[in-house]
Amino acid sequence: MSKSLTMLLLSALAVTAFSGCPPGGPPPFDASGDYSGTWSGQTEGAEKTEEVVACPLTMSLVQAAEAAYPKNRGVTGVVEIDFSCLVLPEWIEEPPPALVNVTGILLDDGTLGLLTGGCGTGLCVALGLKGTGEDVDLDGFMDTYSGEWSYVIMLAGVQPFGVKGVFSVEVDLFE
């Protein structure tokens, strides 16, 4: 895959995930924390389309919410995507859970978009999550985050494939 095609794909993901610019001021809440939940969706580009229901999804997010604008809107972290519930083509072995570094922006309305992507020799991957976070208990920290996501894998010489759908996670509470 050419470098320009990769940049075009990542630019398209960025435009999809971040419709609008974050205004100044404090963020609506701090998204820092560990979250667990599920993703559901549909595989695409394989020999057949397959529905996927309730695969495990975890993420660990960090935000410098006390920093000055615009740094207080940046969110980074790691998303772990479990593929154990996928039905893959016979020629593909079941992949281990993917640990993916993400970067994003939190908007005033609680919309959080997280993106990543990259290419190596013969392989490109792109992950995009866009959803709404909520501070349910009004403690200043995000409690839930849900929305739409897509994960695309592009191998040299093979039709791109991946999954897209919805996700929902909530903060892990330690007792």
N, C-alpha and C. Protein backbone atom coordinates (compact mmCIF):
# COMPACT_ATOMS: atom_id res chain seq x y z
N MET A 1 0.85 -1.17 0.00
CA MET A 1 0.00 0.00 0.00
C MET A 1 0.90 1.23 0.00
N SER A 2 0.55 2.19 -0.82
CA SER A 2 1.39 3.38 -0.94
C SER A 2 1.25 4.27 0.29
N LYS A 3 2.28 5.08 0.50
CA LYS A 3 2.28 6.00 1.64
C LYS A 3 1.15 7.01 1.52
N SER A 4 0.86 7.49 0.29
CA SER A 4 -0.20 8.47 0.11
C SER A 4 -1.58 7.86 0.39
N LEU A 5 -1.77 6.59 0.04
CA LEU A 5 -3.04 5.93 0.32
C LEU A 5 -3.22 5.76 1.83
N THR A 6 -2.14 5.43 2.52
CA THR A 6 -2.19 5.30 3.97
C THR A 6 -2.56 6.63 4.62
N MET A 7 -1.93 7.71 4.17
CA MET A 7 -2.23 9.03 4.73
C MET A 7 -3.68 9.42 4.44
N LEU A 8 -4.17 9.08 3.25
CA LEU A 8 -5.56 9.37 2.90
C LEU A 8 -6.51 8.62 3.83
N LEU A 9 -6.21 7.34 4.09
CA LEU A 9 -7.03 6.55 5.00
C LEU A 9 -7.04 7.14 6.40
N LEU A 10 -5.87 7.49 6.92
CA LEU A 10 -5.80 8.07 8.27
C LEU A 10 -6.48 9.44 8.33
N SER A 11 -6.36 10.23 7.27
CA SER A 11 -7.04 11.53 7.23
C SER A 11 -8.56 11.34 7.24
N ALA A 12 -9.04 10.36 6.50
CA ALA A 12 -10.48 10.10 6.47
C ALA A 12 -10.98 9.67 7.84
N LEU A 13 -10.20 8.82 8.52
CA LEU A 13 -10.57 8.42 9.88
C LEU A 13 -10.61 9.61 10.82
N ALA A 14 -9.65 10.51 10.68
CA ALA A 14 -9.61 11.69 11.55
C ALA A 14 -10.82 12.58 11.33
N VAL A 15 -11.20 12.80 10.07
CA VAL A 15 -12.36 13.64 9.77
C VAL A 15 -13.62 12.98 10.32
N THR A 16 -13.74 11.65 10.18
CA THR A 16 -14.91 10.94 10.69
C THR A 16 -14.99 11.02 12.20
N ALA A 17 -13.86 10.84 12.86
CA ALA A 17 -13.86 10.79 14.32
C ALA A 17 -14.01 12.16 14.97
N PHE A 18 -13.52 13.20 14.32
CA PHE A 18 -13.52 14.52 14.95
C PHE A 18 -14.25 15.53 14.08
N SER A 19 -15.58 15.53 14.18
CA SER A 19 -16.35 16.50 13.41
C SER A 19 -16.49 17.76 14.26
N GLY A 20 -15.60 18.71 14.04
CA GLY A 20 -15.61 19.95 14.80
C GLY A 20 -14.35 20.10 15.62
N CYS A 21 -14.10 21.28 16.09
CA CYS A 21 -12.92 21.55 16.90
C CYS A 21 -13.34 21.76 18.35
N PRO A 22 -12.51 21.29 19.29
CA PRO A 22 -12.88 21.51 20.68
C PRO A 22 -12.72 22.96 21.08
N PRO A 23 -13.69 23.53 21.78
CA PRO A 23 -13.55 24.91 22.26
C PRO A 23 -12.59 24.95 23.44
N GLY A 24 -12.19 26.15 23.85
CA GLY A 24 -11.28 26.30 24.99
C GLY A 24 -11.98 26.04 26.30
N GLY A 25 -11.20 26.06 27.37
CA GLY A 25 -11.76 25.85 28.69
C GLY A 25 -11.57 24.45 29.20
N PRO A 26 -12.09 24.18 30.39
CA PRO A 26 -11.92 22.86 30.98
C PRO A 26 -12.75 21.81 30.26
N PRO A 27 -12.27 20.57 30.24
CA PRO A 27 -13.05 19.50 29.62
C PRO A 27 -14.26 19.15 30.48
N PRO A 28 -15.25 18.46 29.92
CA PRO A 28 -16.46 18.13 30.68
C PRO A 28 -16.18 17.15 31.83
N PHE A 29 -15.12 16.35 31.71
CA PHE A 29 -14.71 15.40 32.74
C PHE A 29 -13.33 14.88 32.39
N ASP A 30 -12.74 14.14 33.29
CA ASP A 30 -11.43 13.51 33.08
C ASP A 30 -11.70 12.08 32.60
N ALA A 31 -11.18 11.73 31.43
CA ALA A 31 -11.40 10.40 30.86
C ALA A 31 -10.38 9.37 31.34
N SER A 32 -9.44 9.78 32.20
CA SER A 32 -8.43 8.85 32.70
C SER A 32 -9.08 7.70 33.45
N GLY A 33 -8.60 6.49 33.20
CA GLY A 33 -9.10 5.32 33.92
C GLY A 33 -8.99 4.06 33.11
N ASP A 34 -9.33 2.96 33.76
CA ASP A 34 -9.37 1.65 33.12
C ASP A 34 -10.83 1.29 32.90
N TYR A 35 -11.14 0.81 31.69
CA TYR A 35 -12.51 0.53 31.29
C TYR A 35 -12.63 -0.88 30.72
N SER A 36 -13.77 -1.51 30.96
CA SER A 36 -14.06 -2.84 30.41
C SER A 36 -15.46 -2.85 29.83
N GLY A 37 -15.63 -3.66 28.81
CA GLY A 37 -16.94 -3.79 28.20
C GLY A 37 -16.88 -4.74 27.03
N THR A 38 -17.66 -4.43 26.01
CA THR A 38 -17.74 -5.31 24.84
C THR A 38 -17.81 -4.50 23.55
N TRP A 39 -17.50 -5.18 22.46
CA TRP A 39 -17.72 -4.64 21.14
C TRP A 39 -18.56 -5.65 20.37
N SER A 40 -19.38 -5.16 19.49
CA SER A 40 -20.20 -5.98 18.61
C SER A 40 -20.12 -5.38 17.22
N GLY A 41 -20.38 -6.18 16.22
CA GLY A 41 -20.34 -5.62 14.89
C GLY A 41 -20.45 -6.65 13.81
N GLN A 42 -19.79 -6.33 12.71
CA GLN A 42 -19.88 -7.14 11.52
C GLN A 42 -18.52 -7.18 10.84
N THR A 43 -18.07 -8.39 10.50
CA THR A 43 -16.82 -8.49 9.74
C THR A 43 -17.10 -8.06 8.31
N GLU A 44 -16.08 -7.52 7.68
CA GLU A 44 -16.23 -7.05 6.30
C GLU A 44 -15.03 -7.47 5.48
N GLY A 45 -15.25 -7.75 4.22
CA GLY A 45 -14.16 -8.02 3.30
C GLY A 45 -13.70 -9.46 3.28
N ALA A 46 -14.15 -10.29 4.17
CA ALA A 46 -13.80 -11.70 4.15
C ALA A 46 -14.69 -12.39 3.11
N GLU A 47 -14.56 -13.69 3.01
CA GLU A 47 -15.37 -14.42 2.03
C GLU A 47 -16.86 -14.26 2.30
N LYS A 48 -17.21 -14.04 3.55
CA LYS A 48 -18.62 -13.80 3.89
C LYS A 48 -18.68 -12.81 5.03
N THR A 49 -19.83 -12.17 5.16
CA THR A 49 -20.03 -11.23 6.26
C THR A 49 -20.52 -12.01 7.47
N GLU A 50 -19.98 -11.68 8.61
CA GLU A 50 -20.31 -12.41 9.84
C GLU A 50 -20.68 -11.43 10.93
N GLU A 51 -21.76 -11.69 11.63
CA GLU A 51 -22.14 -10.88 12.78
C GLU A 51 -21.31 -11.30 13.98
N VAL A 52 -20.87 -10.33 14.75
CA VAL A 52 -20.07 -10.58 15.95
C VAL A 52 -20.80 -9.94 17.12
N VAL A 53 -20.96 -10.70 18.20
CA VAL A 53 -21.71 -10.20 19.35
C VAL A 53 -20.88 -10.32 20.62
N ALA A 54 -20.79 -9.24 21.36
CA ALA A 54 -20.24 -9.20 22.72
C ALA A 54 -18.84 -9.78 22.88
N CYS A 55 -17.90 -9.28 22.10
CA CYS A 55 -16.49 -9.63 22.30
C CYS A 55 -15.92 -8.73 23.39
N PRO A 56 -15.00 -9.25 24.21
CA PRO A 56 -14.42 -8.41 25.26
C PRO A 56 -13.61 -7.24 24.69
N LEU A 57 -13.70 -6.11 25.37
CA LEU A 57 -12.96 -4.90 24.99
C LEU A 57 -12.54 -4.21 26.28
N THR A 58 -11.25 -3.87 26.37
CA THR A 58 -10.78 -3.10 27.53
C THR A 58 -9.96 -1.93 27.01
N MET A 59 -9.89 -0.89 27.81
CA MET A 59 -9.05 0.24 27.46
C MET A 59 -8.56 0.92 28.73
N SER A 60 -7.37 1.47 28.61
CA SER A 60 -6.77 2.25 29.69
C SER A 60 -6.44 3.61 29.10
N LEU A 61 -7.08 4.66 29.61
CA LEU A 61 -6.95 6.00 29.04
C LEU A 61 -6.29 6.96 30.03
N VAL A 62 -5.56 7.93 29.48
CA VAL A 62 -4.89 8.95 30.28
C VAL A 62 -5.21 10.31 29.68
N GLN A 63 -5.57 11.26 30.54
CA GLN A 63 -5.86 12.62 30.11
C GLN A 63 -5.28 13.58 31.14
N ALA A 64 -4.63 14.62 30.69
CA ALA A 64 -4.11 15.66 31.59
C ALA A 64 -5.18 16.74 31.72
N ALA A 65 -6.28 16.39 32.38
CA ALA A 65 -7.45 17.28 32.48
C ALA A 65 -7.15 18.58 33.20
N GLU A 66 -6.12 18.61 34.05
CA GLU A 66 -5.76 19.82 34.79
C GLU A 66 -4.81 20.73 34.02
N ALA A 67 -4.33 20.26 32.86
CA ALA A 67 -3.40 21.06 32.05
C ALA A 67 -4.16 22.23 31.42
N ALA A 68 -3.41 23.17 30.87
CA ALA A 68 -4.01 24.31 30.17
C ALA A 68 -4.53 23.85 28.80
N TYR A 69 -5.53 24.57 28.31
CA TYR A 69 -6.07 24.30 26.98
C TYR A 69 -4.98 24.55 25.95
N PRO A 70 -4.80 23.76 24.95
CA PRO A 70 -5.60 22.64 24.47
C PRO A 70 -5.12 21.28 24.98
N LYS A 71 -4.03 21.25 25.74
CA LYS A 71 -3.51 19.95 26.22
C LYS A 71 -4.50 19.22 27.11
N ASN A 72 -5.41 19.93 27.76
CA ASN A 72 -6.38 19.29 28.65
C ASN A 72 -7.42 18.48 27.89
N ARG A 73 -7.48 18.61 26.58
CA ARG A 73 -8.45 17.87 25.76
C ARG A 73 -7.86 16.60 25.16
N GLY A 74 -6.54 16.44 25.19
CA GLY A 74 -5.91 15.27 24.60
C GLY A 74 -6.07 14.04 25.47
N VAL A 75 -6.35 12.92 24.84
CA VAL A 75 -6.50 11.64 25.53
C VAL A 75 -5.62 10.63 24.80
N THR A 76 -4.84 9.87 25.56
CA THR A 76 -4.03 8.79 25.01
C THR A 76 -4.34 7.52 25.76
N GLY A 77 -3.93 6.40 25.21
CA GLY A 77 -4.16 5.16 25.94
C GLY A 77 -3.90 3.94 25.11
N VAL A 78 -4.33 2.82 25.67
CA VAL A 78 -4.18 1.51 25.03
C VAL A 78 -5.55 0.84 25.02
N VAL A 79 -5.93 0.33 23.86
CA VAL A 79 -7.18 -0.41 23.71
C VAL A 79 -6.80 -1.87 23.45
N GLU A 80 -7.42 -2.79 24.18
CA GLU A 80 -7.20 -4.22 23.94
C GLU A 80 -8.45 -4.80 23.31
N ILE A 81 -8.30 -5.29 22.08
CA ILE A 81 -9.42 -5.84 21.32
C ILE A 81 -9.28 -7.35 21.30
N ASP A 82 -10.26 -8.05 21.82
CA ASP A 82 -10.28 -9.51 21.86
C ASP A 82 -11.03 -10.00 20.63
N PHE A 83 -10.41 -10.91 19.87
CA PHE A 83 -11.02 -11.43 18.64
C PHE A 83 -11.53 -12.85 18.79
N SER A 84 -11.61 -13.37 20.02
CA SER A 84 -11.94 -14.77 20.24
C SER A 84 -13.33 -15.15 19.72
N CYS A 85 -14.21 -14.20 19.54
CA CYS A 85 -15.56 -14.52 19.08
C CYS A 85 -15.72 -14.36 17.56
N LEU A 86 -14.65 -14.02 16.85
CA LEU A 86 -14.73 -13.89 15.40
C LEU A 86 -14.70 -15.25 14.71
N VAL A 87 -15.43 -15.35 13.62
CA VAL A 87 -15.34 -16.51 12.74
C VAL A 87 -14.55 -16.01 11.52
N LEU A 88 -13.29 -16.42 11.44
CA LEU A 88 -12.39 -15.95 10.39
C LEU A 88 -12.30 -16.95 9.26
N PRO A 89 -11.86 -16.49 8.08
CA PRO A 89 -11.62 -17.44 6.98
C PRO A 89 -10.64 -18.52 7.43
N GLU A 90 -10.78 -19.72 6.85
CA GLU A 90 -9.95 -20.85 7.24
C GLU A 90 -8.46 -20.58 7.16
N TRP A 91 -8.03 -19.74 6.24
CA TRP A 91 -6.61 -19.50 6.04
C TRP A 91 -6.01 -18.53 7.05
N ILE A 92 -6.84 -17.99 7.96
CA ILE A 92 -6.34 -17.07 8.98
C ILE A 92 -6.45 -17.74 10.34
N GLU A 93 -5.33 -17.79 11.07
CA GLU A 93 -5.36 -18.30 12.43
C GLU A 93 -6.01 -17.27 13.34
N GLU A 94 -6.63 -17.74 14.42
CA GLU A 94 -7.26 -16.82 15.37
C GLU A 94 -6.19 -15.91 15.96
N PRO A 95 -6.32 -14.62 15.77
CA PRO A 95 -5.30 -13.70 16.30
C PRO A 95 -5.42 -13.55 17.81
N PRO A 96 -4.29 -13.30 18.46
CA PRO A 96 -4.36 -13.01 19.89
C PRO A 96 -4.98 -11.63 20.08
N PRO A 97 -5.40 -11.29 21.29
CA PRO A 97 -5.93 -9.94 21.51
C PRO A 97 -4.91 -8.89 21.06
N ALA A 98 -5.41 -7.83 20.44
CA ALA A 98 -4.55 -6.76 19.94
C ALA A 98 -4.47 -5.65 20.98
N LEU A 99 -3.25 -5.24 21.30
CA LEU A 99 -3.03 -4.07 22.15
C LEU A 99 -2.68 -2.93 21.21
N VAL A 100 -3.53 -1.91 21.17
CA VAL A 100 -3.40 -0.82 20.21
C VAL A 100 -3.29 0.51 20.95
N ASN A 101 -2.22 1.26 20.69
CA ASN A 101 -2.07 2.61 21.25
C ASN A 101 -2.98 3.56 20.49
N VAL A 102 -3.70 4.41 21.21
CA VAL A 102 -4.63 5.36 20.60
C VAL A 102 -4.36 6.77 21.10
N THR A 103 -4.78 7.74 20.30
CA THR A 103 -4.69 9.15 20.65
C THR A 103 -5.99 9.81 20.21
N GLY A 104 -6.47 10.77 21.01
CA GLY A 104 -7.72 11.41 20.63
C GLY A 104 -7.96 12.73 21.32
N ILE A 105 -9.18 13.22 21.10
CA ILE A 105 -9.60 14.52 21.62
C ILE A 105 -10.98 14.39 22.25
N LEU A 106 -11.16 15.03 23.42
CA LEU A 106 -12.44 15.07 24.12
C LEU A 106 -13.08 16.44 23.88
N LEU A 107 -14.30 16.44 23.37
CA LEU A 107 -15.04 17.67 23.10
C LEU A 107 -15.93 18.05 24.28
N ASP A 108 -16.44 19.28 24.27
CA ASP A 108 -17.30 19.78 25.35
C ASP A 108 -18.55 18.93 25.59
N ASP A 109 -19.11 18.36 24.54
CA ASP A 109 -20.35 17.58 24.68
C ASP A 109 -20.10 16.15 25.13
N GLY A 110 -18.84 15.80 25.46
CA GLY A 110 -18.51 14.45 25.90
C GLY A 110 -18.12 13.52 24.78
N THR A 111 -18.13 14.00 23.54
CA THR A 111 -17.70 13.17 22.42
C THR A 111 -16.20 12.95 22.52
N LEU A 112 -15.80 11.68 22.44
CA LEU A 112 -14.39 11.31 22.48
C LEU A 112 -14.08 10.49 21.26
N GLY A 113 -13.14 10.97 20.45
CA GLY A 113 -12.68 10.22 19.29
C GLY A 113 -11.27 9.75 19.54
N LEU A 114 -11.03 8.47 19.29
CA LEU A 114 -9.71 7.86 19.45
C LEU A 114 -9.30 7.23 18.14
N LEU A 115 -8.05 7.45 17.72
CA LEU A 115 -7.55 6.95 16.44
C LEU A 115 -6.16 6.35 16.58
N THR A 116 -5.85 5.47 15.67
CA THR A 116 -4.49 4.99 15.48
C THR A 116 -4.42 4.35 14.10
N GLY A 117 -3.25 4.14 13.65
CA GLY A 117 -3.06 3.47 12.37
C GLY A 117 -1.61 3.47 12.00
N GLY A 118 -1.25 2.54 11.17
CA GLY A 118 0.12 2.48 10.73
C GLY A 118 0.33 1.33 9.76
N CYS A 119 1.48 1.38 9.12
CA CYS A 119 1.84 0.37 8.14
C CYS A 119 3.25 -0.15 8.39
N GLY A 120 3.40 -1.40 8.10
CA GLY A 120 4.72 -2.03 8.10
C GLY A 120 4.90 -2.65 6.73
N THR A 121 5.83 -3.55 6.61
CA THR A 121 6.07 -4.21 5.33
C THR A 121 4.91 -5.14 5.02
N GLY A 122 4.09 -4.75 4.06
CA GLY A 122 2.99 -5.58 3.61
C GLY A 122 1.76 -5.60 4.50
N LEU A 123 1.73 -4.80 5.57
CA LEU A 123 0.60 -4.82 6.48
C LEU A 123 0.28 -3.40 6.95
N CYS A 124 -1.00 -3.05 6.91
CA CYS A 124 -1.47 -1.78 7.47
C CYS A 124 -2.69 -2.08 8.34
N VAL A 125 -2.81 -1.34 9.44
CA VAL A 125 -3.98 -1.44 10.31
C VAL A 125 -4.47 -0.04 10.64
N ALA A 126 -5.76 0.09 10.85
CA ALA A 126 -6.35 1.37 11.24
C ALA A 126 -7.48 1.09 12.23
N LEU A 127 -7.50 1.83 13.34
CA LEU A 127 -8.54 1.70 14.35
C LEU A 127 -9.11 3.08 14.62
N GLY A 128 -10.41 3.18 14.63
CA GLY A 128 -11.08 4.43 14.98
C GLY A 128 -12.26 4.17 15.89
N LEU A 129 -12.35 4.92 16.98
CA LEU A 129 -13.48 4.84 17.91
C LEU A 129 -14.04 6.25 18.07
N LYS A 130 -15.34 6.38 17.97
CA LYS A 130 -15.98 7.67 18.22
C LYS A 130 -17.23 7.40 19.03
N GLY A 131 -17.30 8.04 20.18
CA GLY A 131 -18.44 7.81 21.04
C GLY A 131 -18.63 8.94 22.02
N THR A 132 -19.54 8.71 22.93
CA THR A 132 -19.85 9.69 23.95
C THR A 132 -19.51 9.12 25.31
N GLY A 133 -18.76 9.91 26.07
CA GLY A 133 -18.47 9.55 27.44
C GLY A 133 -19.44 10.27 28.36
N GLU A 134 -19.68 9.67 29.53
CA GLU A 134 -20.58 10.28 30.50
C GLU A 134 -20.00 10.18 31.90
N ASP A 135 -20.20 11.22 32.66
CA ASP A 135 -19.85 11.24 34.08
C ASP A 135 -21.16 11.02 34.84
N VAL A 136 -21.55 9.77 35.00
CA VAL A 136 -22.86 9.41 35.56
C VAL A 136 -22.99 9.87 37.01
N ASP A 137 -21.95 9.69 37.82
CA ASP A 137 -22.04 10.01 39.24
C ASP A 137 -21.55 11.43 39.58
N LEU A 138 -21.24 12.21 38.54
CA LEU A 138 -20.84 13.61 38.69
C LEU A 138 -19.63 13.82 39.60
N ASP A 139 -18.67 12.88 39.54
CA ASP A 139 -17.45 13.01 40.34
C ASP A 139 -16.29 13.63 39.56
N GLY A 140 -16.55 14.04 38.31
CA GLY A 140 -15.53 14.66 37.49
C GLY A 140 -14.75 13.70 36.62
N PHE A 141 -15.09 12.39 36.69
CA PHE A 141 -14.41 11.38 35.88
C PHE A 141 -15.41 10.65 34.99
N MET A 142 -14.97 10.26 33.80
CA MET A 142 -15.83 9.54 32.87
C MET A 142 -16.14 8.16 33.45
N ASP A 143 -17.42 7.79 33.44
CA ASP A 143 -17.87 6.50 33.95
C ASP A 143 -18.18 5.52 32.83
N THR A 144 -18.74 6.02 31.73
CA THR A 144 -19.09 5.16 30.60
C THR A 144 -18.64 5.82 29.31
N TYR A 145 -18.40 5.00 28.30
CA TYR A 145 -17.99 5.47 26.98
C TYR A 145 -18.53 4.47 25.97
N SER A 146 -19.33 4.94 25.03
CA SER A 146 -19.90 4.04 24.03
C SER A 146 -20.09 4.77 22.72
N GLY A 147 -20.10 4.00 21.63
CA GLY A 147 -20.27 4.59 20.31
C GLY A 147 -19.97 3.59 19.22
N GLU A 148 -19.41 4.10 18.12
CA GLU A 148 -19.09 3.28 16.95
C GLU A 148 -17.59 3.12 16.81
N TRP A 149 -17.18 2.02 16.19
CA TRP A 149 -15.76 1.77 15.99
C TRP A 149 -15.54 0.98 14.70
N SER A 150 -14.32 1.02 14.19
CA SER A 150 -13.93 0.17 13.06
C SER A 150 -12.46 -0.18 13.19
N TYR A 151 -12.13 -1.37 12.77
CA TYR A 151 -10.76 -1.88 12.79
C TYR A 151 -10.52 -2.55 11.45
N VAL A 152 -9.61 -2.00 10.65
CA VAL A 152 -9.36 -2.48 9.31
C VAL A 152 -7.94 -3.01 9.22
N ILE A 153 -7.79 -4.19 8.62
CA ILE A 153 -6.48 -4.82 8.41
C ILE A 153 -6.28 -4.95 6.91
N MET A 154 -5.16 -4.44 6.43
CA MET A 154 -4.84 -4.49 5.01
C MET A 154 -3.52 -5.23 4.83
N LEU A 155 -3.59 -6.39 4.17
CA LEU A 155 -2.40 -7.19 3.87
C LEU A 155 -2.10 -7.07 2.39
N ALA A 156 -0.83 -7.01 2.04
CA ALA A 156 -0.44 -6.93 0.63
C ALA A 156 -0.99 -8.13 -0.12
N GLY A 157 -1.67 -7.87 -1.22
CA GLY A 157 -2.19 -8.92 -2.08
C GLY A 157 -3.50 -9.53 -1.63
N VAL A 158 -4.09 -9.04 -0.54
CA VAL A 158 -5.33 -9.59 -0.02
C VAL A 158 -6.33 -8.45 0.14
N GLN A 159 -7.60 -8.75 -0.16
CA GLN A 159 -8.64 -7.73 0.00
C GLN A 159 -8.67 -7.28 1.46
N PRO A 160 -8.74 -5.95 1.73
CA PRO A 160 -8.83 -5.48 3.11
C PRO A 160 -10.00 -6.13 3.84
N PHE A 161 -9.81 -6.41 5.11
CA PHE A 161 -10.87 -6.97 5.91
C PHE A 161 -10.81 -6.36 7.30
N GLY A 162 -11.87 -6.55 8.04
CA GLY A 162 -11.90 -6.01 9.39
C GLY A 162 -13.28 -6.10 9.97
N VAL A 163 -13.48 -5.32 11.02
CA VAL A 163 -14.77 -5.30 11.69
C VAL A 163 -15.19 -3.87 11.94
N LYS A 164 -16.47 -3.65 11.96
CA LYS A 164 -17.00 -2.35 12.36
C LYS A 164 -18.28 -2.61 13.11
N GLY A 165 -18.61 -1.67 13.98
CA GLY A 165 -19.81 -1.85 14.75
C GLY A 165 -19.90 -0.87 15.90
N VAL A 166 -20.31 -1.36 17.05
CA VAL A 166 -20.51 -0.53 18.22
C VAL A 166 -19.70 -1.09 19.40
N PHE A 167 -19.46 -0.22 20.38
CA PHE A 167 -18.76 -0.63 21.58
C PHE A 167 -19.39 0.07 22.78
N SER A 168 -19.17 -0.50 23.94
CA SER A 168 -19.63 0.10 25.18
C SER A 168 -18.73 -0.39 26.31
N VAL A 169 -18.15 0.56 27.05
CA VAL A 169 -17.31 0.21 28.19
C VAL A 169 -17.71 1.07 29.38
N GLU A 170 -17.38 0.57 30.58
CA GLU A 170 -17.58 1.37 31.79
C GLU A 170 -16.34 1.25 32.65
N VAL A 171 -16.16 2.23 33.50
CA VAL A 171 -14.96 2.30 34.32
C VAL A 171 -14.89 1.09 35.25
N ASP A 172 -13.67 0.56 35.41
CA ASP A 172 -13.43 -0.53 36.35
C ASP A 172 -13.33 0.06 37.74
N LEU A 173 -14.15 -0.41 38.63
CA LEU A 173 -14.14 0.07 40.01
C LEU A 173 -13.37 -0.91 40.87
N PHE A 174 -12.43 -0.41 41.61
CA PHE A 174 -11.62 -1.25 42.49
C PHE A 174 -12.17 -1.10 43.90
N GLU A 175 -12.45 -2.19 44.53
CA GLU A 175 -13.02 -2.14 45.87
C GLU A 175 -12.04 -2.64 46.89
